[in-house]
Each structure stands twice: as structure tokens, then as C-alpha cells.
Protein backbone atom coordinates (compact mmCIF):
# COMPACT_ATOMS: atom_id res chain seq x y z
CA MET A 1 83.73 110.00 85.59
CA SER A 2 85.39 109.15 88.89
CA LYS A 3 86.49 105.75 90.12
CA GLN A 4 87.54 104.44 93.48
CA LYS A 5 91.19 104.79 94.47
CA PRO A 6 92.46 101.26 95.22
CA GLN A 7 93.12 100.22 98.79
CA LEU A 8 96.79 99.60 99.56
CA SER A 9 98.28 96.78 101.54
CA PHE A 10 100.10 97.65 104.76
CA TRP A 11 103.48 97.16 103.08
CA GLN A 12 102.50 99.33 100.12
CA VAL A 13 101.66 102.14 102.53
CA TRP A 14 104.93 101.41 104.33
CA ASN A 15 106.97 101.63 101.11
CA VAL A 16 105.37 104.95 100.14
CA SER A 17 106.72 106.53 103.34
CA PHE A 18 109.90 104.50 103.93
CA GLY A 19 112.21 107.16 102.51
CA PHE A 20 111.06 109.47 105.28
CA LEU A 21 113.09 107.32 107.68
CA GLY A 22 116.32 108.41 106.01
CA VAL A 23 115.28 112.02 105.48
CA GLN A 24 114.41 112.32 109.17
CA PHE A 25 117.62 110.44 110.10
CA GLY A 26 119.56 113.27 108.50
CA PHE A 27 117.24 115.93 109.89
CA ALA A 28 117.62 114.51 113.42
CA LEU A 29 121.41 114.58 113.15
CA GLN A 30 121.12 118.21 112.14
CA ASN A 31 118.69 119.12 114.92
CA ALA A 32 120.72 117.45 117.67
CA ASN A 33 124.15 118.60 116.52
CA VAL A 34 124.06 121.84 114.53
CA SER A 35 124.00 124.04 117.65
CA ARG A 36 126.92 121.98 118.93
CA ILE A 37 128.80 122.31 115.63
CA LEU A 38 128.17 126.03 115.27
CA SER A 39 129.13 126.63 118.90
CA ASP A 40 132.41 124.76 118.34
CA LEU A 41 132.97 126.84 115.21
CA GLY A 42 132.58 130.07 117.20
CA ALA A 43 128.88 131.05 117.40
CA ASP A 44 127.56 132.63 120.64
CA LEU A 45 124.18 131.84 122.21
CA HIS A 46 122.50 134.96 120.85
CA SER A 47 123.52 134.23 117.27
CA LEU A 48 122.64 130.51 117.36
CA SER A 49 118.98 131.21 116.69
CA LEU A 50 119.93 133.51 113.80
CA PHE A 51 121.96 130.74 112.15
CA TRP A 52 119.01 128.40 112.60
CA LEU A 53 116.85 130.83 110.62
CA VAL A 54 118.36 129.26 107.52
CA ALA A 55 116.12 126.20 108.01
CA PRO A 56 112.68 127.83 107.96
CA ILE A 57 113.71 130.35 105.30
CA MET A 58 114.75 127.52 103.01
CA GLY A 59 111.44 125.81 103.70
CA LEU A 60 109.53 128.99 103.04
CA ILE A 61 111.18 129.41 99.64
CA VAL A 62 111.58 125.83 98.48
CA GLN A 63 108.45 123.94 99.51
CA PRO A 64 105.80 126.00 97.65
CA LEU A 65 107.99 126.02 94.52
CA VAL A 66 108.59 122.28 94.68
CA GLY A 67 104.94 121.63 95.52
CA SER A 68 103.73 123.59 92.51
CA ALA A 69 106.34 121.99 90.22
CA SER A 70 105.52 118.46 91.37
CA ASP A 71 101.81 119.09 90.74
CA ARG A 72 102.72 119.74 87.10
CA THR A 73 105.30 116.96 86.68
CA TRP A 74 104.37 113.75 84.92
CA ASN A 75 107.19 111.68 83.41
CA ARG A 76 108.44 108.12 83.33
CA PHE A 77 110.10 108.57 86.73
CA GLY A 78 106.82 109.64 88.37
CA ARG A 79 105.24 112.78 89.71
CA ARG A 80 106.76 113.29 93.16
CA LYS A 81 109.65 110.81 93.07
CA PRO A 82 112.07 112.89 90.92
CA TYR A 83 112.01 115.68 93.51
CA ILE A 84 112.32 113.29 96.45
CA LEU A 85 115.43 111.69 94.94
CA ALA A 86 117.05 114.96 93.85
CA GLY A 87 116.58 116.44 97.33
CA ALA A 88 118.05 113.36 98.97
CA ILE A 89 121.19 113.44 96.80
CA ALA A 90 121.80 117.14 97.52
CA ALA A 91 121.16 116.66 101.26
CA ALA A 92 123.64 113.78 101.38
CA ILE A 93 126.31 115.99 99.80
CA GLY A 94 125.61 118.68 102.40
CA MET A 95 125.86 116.17 105.24
CA VAL A 96 129.30 115.08 104.06
CA LEU A 97 130.52 118.69 103.81
CA MET A 98 128.96 120.10 107.02
CA PRO A 99 131.38 118.67 109.61
CA ASN A 100 134.38 119.55 107.44
CA ALA A 101 134.04 123.34 107.70
CA GLY A 102 137.49 123.59 109.29
CA ILE A 103 139.15 122.14 106.20
CA PHE A 104 138.05 125.13 104.12
CA VAL A 105 139.39 127.74 106.55
CA ALA A 106 141.94 128.92 103.98
CA PHE A 107 139.11 129.94 101.65
CA ILE A 108 136.22 130.89 103.93
CA ALA A 109 135.55 131.33 107.65
CA PRO A 110 134.44 127.96 109.12
CA MET A 111 131.32 129.42 110.75
CA LEU A 112 130.25 131.05 107.46
CA PHE A 113 130.92 127.82 105.58
CA GLY A 114 128.86 125.93 108.17
CA ALA A 115 125.98 128.35 107.67
CA MET A 116 126.16 127.92 103.88
CA ILE A 117 126.11 124.12 104.12
CA LEU A 118 123.27 124.32 106.64
CA ALA A 119 121.35 126.26 104.00
CA LEU A 120 122.14 123.59 101.40
CA MET A 121 121.03 120.77 103.69
CA ASP A 122 117.82 122.49 104.69
CA ALA A 123 116.92 123.39 101.12
CA SER A 124 117.54 119.78 100.12
CA PHE A 125 115.57 118.31 103.02
CA ASN A 126 112.66 120.53 102.01
CA VAL A 127 112.87 119.43 98.37
CA SER A 128 112.30 115.87 99.64
CA PHE A 129 109.89 116.60 102.50
CA GLN A 130 107.10 118.33 100.58
CA PRO A 131 106.75 115.77 97.75
CA PHE A 132 106.75 112.99 100.38
CA ARG A 133 103.77 114.62 102.09
CA SER A 134 101.98 114.91 98.75
CA LEU A 135 102.93 111.36 97.74
CA VAL A 136 101.00 109.96 100.69
CA SER A 137 97.99 112.11 99.77
CA ASP A 138 98.27 110.97 96.13
CA MET A 139 98.60 107.26 96.82
CA VAL A 140 96.62 106.52 99.99
CA PRO A 141 92.80 106.43 99.82
CA ALA A 142 90.79 108.53 102.26
CA LYS A 143 89.87 105.57 104.48
CA GLN A 144 93.55 104.79 104.98
CA ARG A 145 94.69 108.39 105.44
CA ASN A 146 95.05 108.21 109.23
CA LEU A 147 97.00 104.97 108.78
CA GLY A 148 99.20 106.50 106.07
CA TYR A 149 100.22 109.54 108.08
CA SER A 150 100.65 107.46 111.23
CA ILE A 151 103.05 105.11 109.45
CA GLN A 152 104.85 108.16 108.12
CA SER A 153 105.11 109.49 111.66
CA LEU A 154 106.39 106.10 112.90
CA LEU A 155 109.12 105.93 110.25
CA ILE A 156 110.09 109.55 110.83
CA ASN A 157 110.61 108.83 114.49
CA ILE A 158 112.51 105.58 113.96
CA GLY A 159 114.91 107.56 111.78
CA ALA A 160 115.06 110.32 114.37
CA VAL A 161 115.90 107.89 117.20
CA ILE A 162 118.80 106.33 115.32
CA GLY A 163 120.06 109.65 113.98
CA SER A 164 119.92 111.34 117.39
CA ILE A 165 121.87 108.67 119.29
CA LEU A 166 124.45 108.00 116.59
CA PRO A 167 127.16 110.41 117.87
CA PHE A 168 126.72 108.97 121.39
CA VAL A 169 127.08 105.42 120.05
CA LEU A 170 130.16 106.33 118.06
CA THR A 171 131.73 107.79 121.21
CA ASN A 172 130.73 105.25 123.84
CA VAL A 173 130.65 102.05 121.80
CA VAL A 174 133.02 102.61 118.87
CA GLY A 175 135.37 104.86 120.85
CA LEU A 176 135.55 108.00 118.72
CA GLU A 177 136.43 111.30 120.42
CA ASN A 178 133.44 113.52 121.30
CA THR A 179 135.30 116.74 122.18
CA ALA A 180 136.56 119.40 119.80
CA LYS A 181 138.72 122.49 119.96
CA VAL A 182 137.22 125.82 118.92
CA GLY A 183 137.05 125.89 115.12
CA GLU A 184 136.83 122.10 114.77
CA VAL A 185 134.10 119.42 114.88
CA ALA A 186 134.27 116.30 117.08
CA PRO A 187 135.17 113.08 115.16
CA SER A 188 132.06 111.30 116.50
CA VAL A 189 129.83 113.99 114.98
CA THR A 190 131.75 113.96 111.69
CA TRP A 191 131.35 110.21 111.19
CA ALA A 192 127.72 110.34 112.28
CA PHE A 193 127.02 112.75 109.40
CA TYR A 194 128.81 110.43 106.94
CA LEU A 195 126.67 107.47 108.04
CA GLY A 196 123.54 109.63 107.98
CA ALA A 197 124.14 110.57 104.36
CA THR A 198 124.37 106.86 103.47
CA VAL A 199 121.14 105.93 105.27
CA LEU A 200 119.35 108.90 103.71
CA LEU A 201 120.17 107.86 100.16
CA GLY A 202 119.45 104.18 100.79
CA SER A 203 115.98 104.66 102.25
CA VAL A 204 114.90 107.19 99.63
CA LEU A 205 116.01 104.82 96.87
CA TRP A 206 113.82 102.13 98.48
CA THR A 207 110.72 104.31 98.14
CA VAL A 208 111.64 105.43 94.63
CA PHE A 209 112.06 101.86 93.34
CA ARG A 210 109.31 100.17 95.40
CA THR A 211 106.50 102.69 94.78
CA LYS A 212 104.71 103.09 91.47
CA GLU A 213 102.78 106.34 91.26
CA HIS A 214 99.38 106.43 89.58
CA PRO A 215 99.48 107.55 85.93
CA PRO A 216 97.75 110.89 85.18
CA GLU A 217 94.57 109.40 83.75
CA ASP A 218 94.02 107.21 86.84
CA PHE A 219 95.09 109.90 89.29
CA TYR A 220 92.50 112.38 88.00
CA ALA A 221 89.85 109.70 87.54
CA TYR A 222 90.10 108.83 91.24
CA ARG A 223 89.20 112.45 91.97
CA GLY A 224 86.55 112.92 89.28
CA ILE A 225 88.69 115.42 87.33
CA ASP A 226 89.02 115.64 83.53
CA ALA A 227 92.71 114.81 82.89
CA LYS A 228 92.74 116.44 79.45
CA GLU A 229 91.35 119.68 80.82
CA VAL A 230 94.03 119.79 83.53
CA GLU A 231 96.71 119.01 80.95
CA GLN A 232 95.60 121.92 78.77
CA GLN A 233 95.61 124.27 81.76
CA GLN A 234 99.11 123.22 82.74
CA LYS A 235 100.43 123.72 79.21
CA GLN A 236 99.45 127.37 79.33
CA LYS A 237 102.61 129.33 80.08
CA LYS A 238 102.21 132.18 82.51
CA SER A 239 104.38 135.22 83.09
CA LEU A 240 106.16 135.66 86.42
CA THR A 241 103.61 138.32 87.31
CA GLY A 242 100.78 135.96 86.45
CA SER A 243 102.32 133.14 88.47
CA LEU A 244 102.76 135.38 91.49
CA ALA A 245 99.21 136.65 91.13
CA GLU A 246 97.89 133.08 91.06
CA PHE A 247 100.04 132.17 94.06
CA PHE A 248 98.71 135.05 96.17
CA LYS A 249 95.19 134.23 95.03
CA LEU A 250 95.65 130.71 96.37
CA MET A 251 96.95 132.20 99.62
CA LYS A 252 93.81 134.32 99.96
CA THR A 253 91.41 131.52 99.02
CA MET A 254 93.04 128.77 101.07
CA PRO A 255 90.56 126.50 102.88
CA GLN A 256 89.30 127.78 106.23
CA THR A 257 90.71 124.69 107.91
CA MET A 258 94.21 125.62 106.75
CA LYS A 259 93.87 129.11 108.23
CA GLN A 260 92.74 127.71 111.56
CA LEU A 261 95.51 125.12 111.64
CA ALA A 262 98.01 127.92 110.97
CA ILE A 263 97.43 129.29 114.47
CA VAL A 264 98.08 125.88 116.04
CA GLN A 265 101.14 125.46 113.87
CA PHE A 266 102.51 128.86 114.90
CA PHE A 267 102.58 128.12 118.61
CA SER A 268 103.74 124.50 118.26
CA TRP A 269 106.60 125.20 115.82
CA PHE A 270 107.68 128.30 117.78
CA ALA A 271 108.21 125.94 120.72
CA LEU A 272 109.93 123.23 118.69
CA PHE A 273 112.43 125.70 117.24
CA ILE A 274 113.44 126.84 120.72
CA MET A 275 113.93 123.25 121.86
CA TRP A 276 116.13 122.33 118.90
CA VAL A 277 118.31 125.42 119.21
CA TYR A 278 118.68 125.73 122.97
CA SER A 279 118.37 122.26 124.55
CA MET A 280 122.13 121.76 124.36
CA PRO A 281 123.13 124.97 126.19
CA ALA A 282 120.15 124.61 128.55
CA ILE A 283 121.10 121.20 129.94
CA THR A 284 124.84 121.98 129.75
CA GLN A 285 124.24 124.96 132.05
CA TYR A 286 121.41 123.69 134.23
CA ILE A 287 122.43 120.06 134.69
CA TRP A 288 126.17 119.89 133.95
CA GLY A 289 126.79 123.17 135.77
CA VAL A 290 128.70 124.96 132.99
CA GLU A 291 128.38 128.72 133.40
CA ALA A 292 126.91 130.76 130.54
CA LYS A 293 130.22 132.58 130.05
CA TRP A 294 131.71 129.43 128.52
CA PHE A 295 129.34 129.91 125.57
CA ASP A 296 130.62 133.44 124.93
CA PRO A 297 133.23 133.54 122.10
CA ASP A 298 134.70 136.79 123.45
CA TYR A 299 135.27 135.22 126.86
CA LEU A 300 136.74 132.07 125.29
CA HIS A 301 139.12 134.21 123.25
CA ALA A 302 140.13 136.16 126.36
CA VAL A 303 140.96 133.10 128.46
CA GLY A 304 142.83 131.47 125.59
CA THR A 305 142.64 127.85 126.76
CA VAL A 306 139.37 126.21 127.76
CA PRO A 307 139.74 123.92 130.81
CA GLN A 308 139.45 120.24 129.98
CA ALA A 309 136.61 119.87 132.50
CA ILE A 310 134.54 122.38 130.53
CA LEU A 311 135.29 120.64 127.25
CA ASP A 312 134.34 117.27 128.76
CA ALA A 313 131.10 118.68 130.20
CA LYS A 314 130.13 120.22 126.87
CA GLY A 315 130.92 116.99 125.05
CA ALA A 316 128.95 114.86 127.53
CA ALA A 317 125.98 117.23 127.51
CA GLY A 318 126.03 117.38 123.72
CA ASP A 319 125.93 113.59 123.54
CA TRP A 320 123.09 113.50 126.09
CA VAL A 321 121.03 115.90 123.98
CA GLY A 322 121.20 113.25 121.27
CA ILE A 323 120.00 110.66 123.79
CA ILE A 324 117.00 112.69 125.00
CA PHE A 325 116.14 113.70 121.44
CA ALA A 326 116.23 110.01 120.56
CA ALA A 327 114.02 109.35 123.59
CA TYR A 328 111.29 111.77 122.52
CA SER A 329 111.48 110.36 118.99
CA LEU A 330 111.17 106.82 120.40
CA PHE A 331 108.18 107.80 122.50
CA ALA A 332 106.72 109.47 119.41
CA ALA A 333 107.26 106.32 117.36
CA VAL A 334 105.47 104.22 119.98
CA PHE A 335 102.61 106.70 120.21
CA SER A 336 102.35 106.74 116.41
CA VAL A 337 101.36 103.08 116.52
CA VAL A 338 98.15 103.91 118.38
CA LEU A 339 97.66 107.47 117.11
CA SER A 340 95.39 106.62 114.19
CA LYS A 341 93.22 104.33 116.33
CA LEU A 342 92.86 107.00 119.00
CA ALA A 343 92.00 109.60 116.35
CA ASP A 344 89.41 107.29 114.79
CA LYS A 345 87.79 106.59 118.18
CA PHE A 346 87.96 109.93 119.98
CA GLY A 347 88.34 112.37 117.09
CA ARG A 348 91.42 113.97 115.62
CA LYS A 349 90.93 117.34 117.33
CA LEU A 350 90.74 115.95 120.86
CA VAL A 351 93.73 113.68 120.39
CA TYR A 352 95.72 116.48 118.74
CA SER A 353 94.94 118.98 121.52
CA LEU A 354 95.76 116.61 124.39
CA SER A 355 98.97 115.58 122.65
CA LEU A 356 100.14 119.20 122.45
CA PHE A 357 99.21 119.67 126.11
CA ALA A 358 101.46 116.72 126.95
CA GLY A 359 104.25 118.49 125.06
CA ALA A 360 103.77 121.64 127.13
CA LEU A 361 104.10 119.63 130.33
CA GLY A 362 107.24 118.06 128.89
CA TYR A 363 108.92 121.42 128.36
CA PHE A 364 108.00 122.57 131.87
CA GLY A 365 109.54 119.32 133.12
CA PHE A 366 113.01 120.41 131.97
CA MET A 367 113.25 122.64 135.03
CA ALA A 368 111.72 120.17 137.48
CA PHE A 369 114.92 118.16 137.90
CA ASN A 370 118.12 119.61 139.32
CA ASN A 371 119.75 116.71 141.18
CA LEU A 372 123.39 116.87 140.07
CA GLU A 373 124.50 113.71 141.88
CA PRO A 374 126.38 111.42 139.43
CA VAL A 375 124.73 108.08 138.64
CA VAL A 376 125.72 105.16 136.43
CA VAL A 377 123.21 104.52 133.65
CA ASP A 378 122.97 101.28 131.66
CA LEU A 379 121.86 102.15 128.11
CA PHE A 380 122.10 98.51 126.94
CA ILE A 381 124.81 99.35 124.41
CA THR A 382 127.05 100.91 127.06
CA THR A 383 127.08 102.41 130.55
CA VAL A 384 127.73 106.08 131.27
CA THR A 385 127.97 108.29 134.34
CA VAL A 386 125.76 111.39 134.18
CA PRO A 387 123.96 113.65 136.68
CA GLN A 388 120.71 112.21 138.06
CA ALA A 389 118.81 115.16 136.60
CA ALA A 390 119.94 114.13 133.11
CA VAL A 391 118.38 110.69 133.61
CA ASN A 392 115.18 112.27 134.91
CA LEU A 393 114.81 114.16 131.62
CA PHE A 394 113.43 110.95 130.10
CA ILE A 395 110.16 111.69 131.94
CA PRO A 396 109.38 115.03 130.23
CA MET A 397 110.53 113.53 126.94
CA ILE A 398 107.43 111.31 127.03
CA GLY A 399 105.24 114.39 126.70
CA VAL A 400 107.47 115.96 124.07
CA GLY A 401 107.37 112.72 122.07
CA ILE A 402 103.58 112.49 122.19
CA SER A 403 103.25 116.06 120.92
CA TRP A 404 105.85 115.48 118.18
CA ALA A 405 104.00 112.42 116.86
CA ALA A 406 100.76 114.39 116.68
CA ILE A 407 102.42 117.41 115.03
CA LEU A 408 103.82 115.16 112.30
CA ALA A 409 100.51 113.48 111.52
CA MET A 410 97.36 115.23 112.72
CA PRO A 411 97.57 118.57 110.84
CA TYR A 412 98.10 116.78 107.54
CA ALA A 413 95.37 114.22 108.20
CA ILE A 414 92.94 117.06 109.01
CA LEU A 415 94.09 119.22 106.11
CA ALA A 416 94.22 116.60 103.34
CA GLY A 417 90.45 116.20 103.17
CA SER A 418 89.90 119.93 102.57
CA LEU A 419 92.33 120.41 99.66
CA PRO A 420 91.44 120.39 95.93
CA ALA A 421 93.06 117.35 94.32
CA ALA A 422 94.69 119.16 91.40
CA LYS A 423 96.49 121.57 93.73
CA THR A 424 97.39 119.33 96.67
CA GLY A 425 101.11 119.82 96.16
CA VAL A 426 101.07 123.60 96.00
CA TYR A 427 98.69 123.86 98.97
CA MET A 428 100.88 121.49 100.99
CA GLY A 429 103.77 123.77 100.06
CA ILE A 430 101.84 126.85 101.12
CA PHE A 431 100.97 125.07 104.36
CA ASN A 432 104.69 124.93 105.05
CA PHE A 433 104.47 128.70 105.65
CA THR A 434 102.76 127.74 108.91
CA ILE A 435 105.89 125.78 109.82
CA ALA A 436 108.50 128.23 108.56
CA ALA A 437 106.97 131.52 109.76
CA PRO A 438 106.87 130.67 113.49
CA GLN A 439 110.44 129.40 113.32
CA ILE A 440 111.55 132.64 111.67
CA VAL A 441 109.80 134.66 114.37
CA SER A 442 111.36 132.44 117.04
CA GLY A 443 114.78 132.75 115.45
CA LEU A 444 114.60 136.53 115.27
CA PHE A 445 113.45 137.04 118.84
CA SER A 446 114.42 134.04 120.99
CA GLY A 447 118.14 134.89 120.98
CA TRP A 448 117.37 138.47 122.01
CA ILE A 449 114.98 137.25 124.73
CA LEU A 450 117.61 134.82 126.01
CA SER A 451 120.33 137.45 126.28
CA SER A 452 118.26 140.49 127.30
CA VAL A 453 115.56 138.94 129.51
CA PHE A 454 117.06 135.67 130.74
CA ASN A 455 120.75 136.75 130.95
CA ASN A 456 121.78 133.80 128.72
CA GLU A 457 120.34 131.23 131.19
CA ALA A 458 119.00 128.91 128.52
CA ILE A 459 116.71 126.86 130.76
CA TYR A 460 114.26 129.77 130.91
CA ILE A 461 113.87 129.93 127.13
CA ILE A 462 112.76 126.27 127.31
CA MET A 463 110.05 127.36 129.77
CA LEU A 464 108.89 129.92 127.20
CA ALA A 465 108.58 127.04 124.73
CA GLY A 466 106.28 125.29 127.19
CA VAL A 467 103.98 128.31 127.34
CA SER A 468 103.85 128.44 123.55
CA MET A 469 102.95 124.74 123.28
CA LEU A 470 100.17 125.28 125.83
CA PHE A 471 98.69 127.97 123.57
CA ALA A 472 98.91 125.53 120.65
CA SER A 473 96.89 122.96 122.58
CA VAL A 474 94.09 125.45 123.26
CA SER A 475 94.08 126.66 119.62
CA VAL A 476 93.10 123.21 118.31
CA TYR A 477 89.62 123.78 119.74
CA PHE A 478 88.95 126.40 117.05
CA VAL A 479 89.90 124.16 114.08
CA LYS A 480 87.12 122.82 111.88
CA ASP A 481 87.67 119.22 110.81
CA ASP A 482 85.27 118.61 107.89
CA GLN A 483 85.61 114.83 107.96
CA GLU A 484 84.70 114.57 111.63
CA GLN A 485 81.61 116.74 111.09
CA ASN A 486 80.24 114.64 108.23
């Protein structure tokens, strides 16, 4: 016999998702600074995308495993919360170690160490991410689902704003150095990662202690499922072959909506991966006027000493990437406030499609501004002098932010209503394939395209991202949203 899942207050919904603020804080620091760190440690532009493959591969491996395990976990600490907390602790350790690759040079090459810690951080972020998605589905009733995922999107973007601008703040307000010699990491980036680890743990602990998950008997009753029957099924031990067979069976029998969303996810995450990897070299070259050769380790080794002007330009551009990443996250946070209302009024598919179209326009906007005249910009916390084109990048970031907010919320809001309750976690984990696979494809080919087709001029790879996001927008038309058709 089923019973109604209780409505949650606004603050209960808020607490369920609050830990996402810290997880995304750390993820934003990684997205805005890993290319910068790896470049300082000796990576060339072609290999940057290969290093970034660690992230989607970790997601591909970890999320389905964690999703399946959390579906079967019931103990005094909860169902999803043990995984969320464990992932946060491991990610915090990785964030402390990442900027210290140079210290371990006597034992391991700094770039290799950086890649290993990147793998640790990404695996850990994924251990937390997937159970958080499922926690919202577990706790929030269907009528509040748009609200739940919109609040999640809002908190994600608040964390992303703060995490993205932190190195800039530490340089321009606190006074830490933002340049680094080859093989080292700038002090502003190092301390930003330390602070990020602290915020990550603190916010996750808030969710863990302020959210009480439904006990098994209530959880299954809300979905009209016999708890004892599920318990007996879960007690049955299966061989590895049997587990794999069941997993691939689930892959084949996944809801039609998930298959259709996979196409949208492919094009949108292909574009996002390119932006995260290549925004730093793109604006350093296109707006700060640094030639592509200064990103070539062989050339840097040949010249011996890098001119201070190049180091300063790279440092300033790297900081500005954090600012524009914070800007798109801020715009996403603002849009998240109205996202659920727009989706309720006009339909999730229309809002989702138009949001992705705005993102495509945003990527195309990267190339629209090339005024290199220096201007003084008041950022409230400090003033800086940057090229006019850098300031103009705030305009395309509006579109990128709108698309990011929708990507974080709309696929999950559409998908949640089509998933069987007893397997929500494992299906959410499988759905992560639609996030990881396009990033892997992008990582394998975008570096080659950049070097072979675009002659290492990174601005053109951003244009390719715009084309991909445009395809994502069109693909939404073919998605079936069961709830909107009822």
C-alpha cells in the first residue's frame, strides 16, 4: 500500500542540496585552474584535453557503482549520506595535494603527480555527485521536483561563483602572487585550493547533519513497493558475471526518455568540456595577444627564460578565466531562481531548448570582441586593468550561464519521473554515461583538432563548442517528457 511522500519546507529542500555548494566550489576551482596548473607543470595544448580525460573516465567508472551501492545501502547513517561524506573527505585531500605537485618532484614527475591527483579529485567528486542527485529524488515529492532541482542548480552556481573568483581575490585583494615558474603552481591558486577543501567539507557536513533520510519502510511505501520483497532481492548475492549481465540489461532496457536525453547530453557536454579545457589559452591568445608558441613546452625549453611580460599576461588571463567562469555561474544562479517557474509555465522542453540555444550564442560571442585597448574595471572588491575585449566577455557569459543552469536541472527533472523507484540510484549513475562519454570523445579529438586543423589557435575550438551546443538545442525537440504529456 502506498502513501503520500510528505511535502518539504523550503529550508528542508535547501538543506538536502546545500552540500552541493561545496562540491561545486571545489569542482569550479578545478575547472578554472587545472589547465593553468597543468600548463605550468609542463603540459602542451594538445595534451591538455588528454589530461582532462581523467574527469569523465572517473565519472564513467564511479557513478554507476556508487549509484548501485547506494540503492542497496540502509544503515544508521542513511542511504546516500555515507557516500556523499566519504567522497567529500577524499576530494578535500586531493585539493590539498593538487597544487603541491612540485614538492614531490624527487619521487615522481610533477605533471604525472598532478594527473594522479586530478584522478583522485574527480573520482571523489563523482562519489559525492551521484548520491546527491539521488538524494533529491528520494526526498523531494514530485510536485516539488522542479523546485528541488532548481535550488540544487542555484547552490551549485553560488559555489561555482565563489570558487571561480577565489584565485583572483587572493591575488588582487589579499596580495598573493599569481605567476609561477615552469614546474610550480602560483601561490594564489595553491591557497585557493586549501580554502576550497575547507568549504567543501563544511557544506557537505551541513547536509549530512541537517537532513534525515526516509527509513526503508517509508521510502518504499511512498512508491507503493513491498519493502520486504526488495530486501530479499537485495540479500541475494550475485556473481560478477551476473552483476554485469544485470547492468547491461538495465542499459538495454533504460527508459526511452533517457535514450533521447543522451543525444542532448552528448552535444551539450562535448561543448562544455571544450570550454573548460581551452578557455584559458583561447583568451590568453586572442585577447591578451600571447602567441601560441608560448604554450609549447619544447619552445619554452629552447628559449630557456620566459619573458616577464608573457608570464604576467598568462597570470592575468588565468585570473580572468576565473572571473568569467564566475560570471556565467552567477548568471546561472540568477536564472535558476526563475527556471522552475518558467518550466512550469512554458514546459520543460521549450525552456531547456532555448537555454541551450543561448549557450550556443554565448560561445560564438567569444570571437565577437577583439578590442585590445586597456581599460580600468571596478570589480567592487578591487580595480584591475584588462583589455576591453576581456570586459566584453561578460555579455556571452550570460548565454553560457543560462545554458549551464538548464543543463544542471532540466535533464534530471525530465528524467526523474520516468525512473523506477527501486533503481533510481543505478539509473542516475548510468545516466552519467551521457555526461562522461561526450567528454571522453571531446578529450580524444579536440586536442588533435586544435593542433591539426586550427594550428593551436584556441579561439576556433571555442567556436566548435558553439556549433555543438546549437545541435544540443535542436535535439531537445525529440525528447519525450512523460509528465508534460499527462
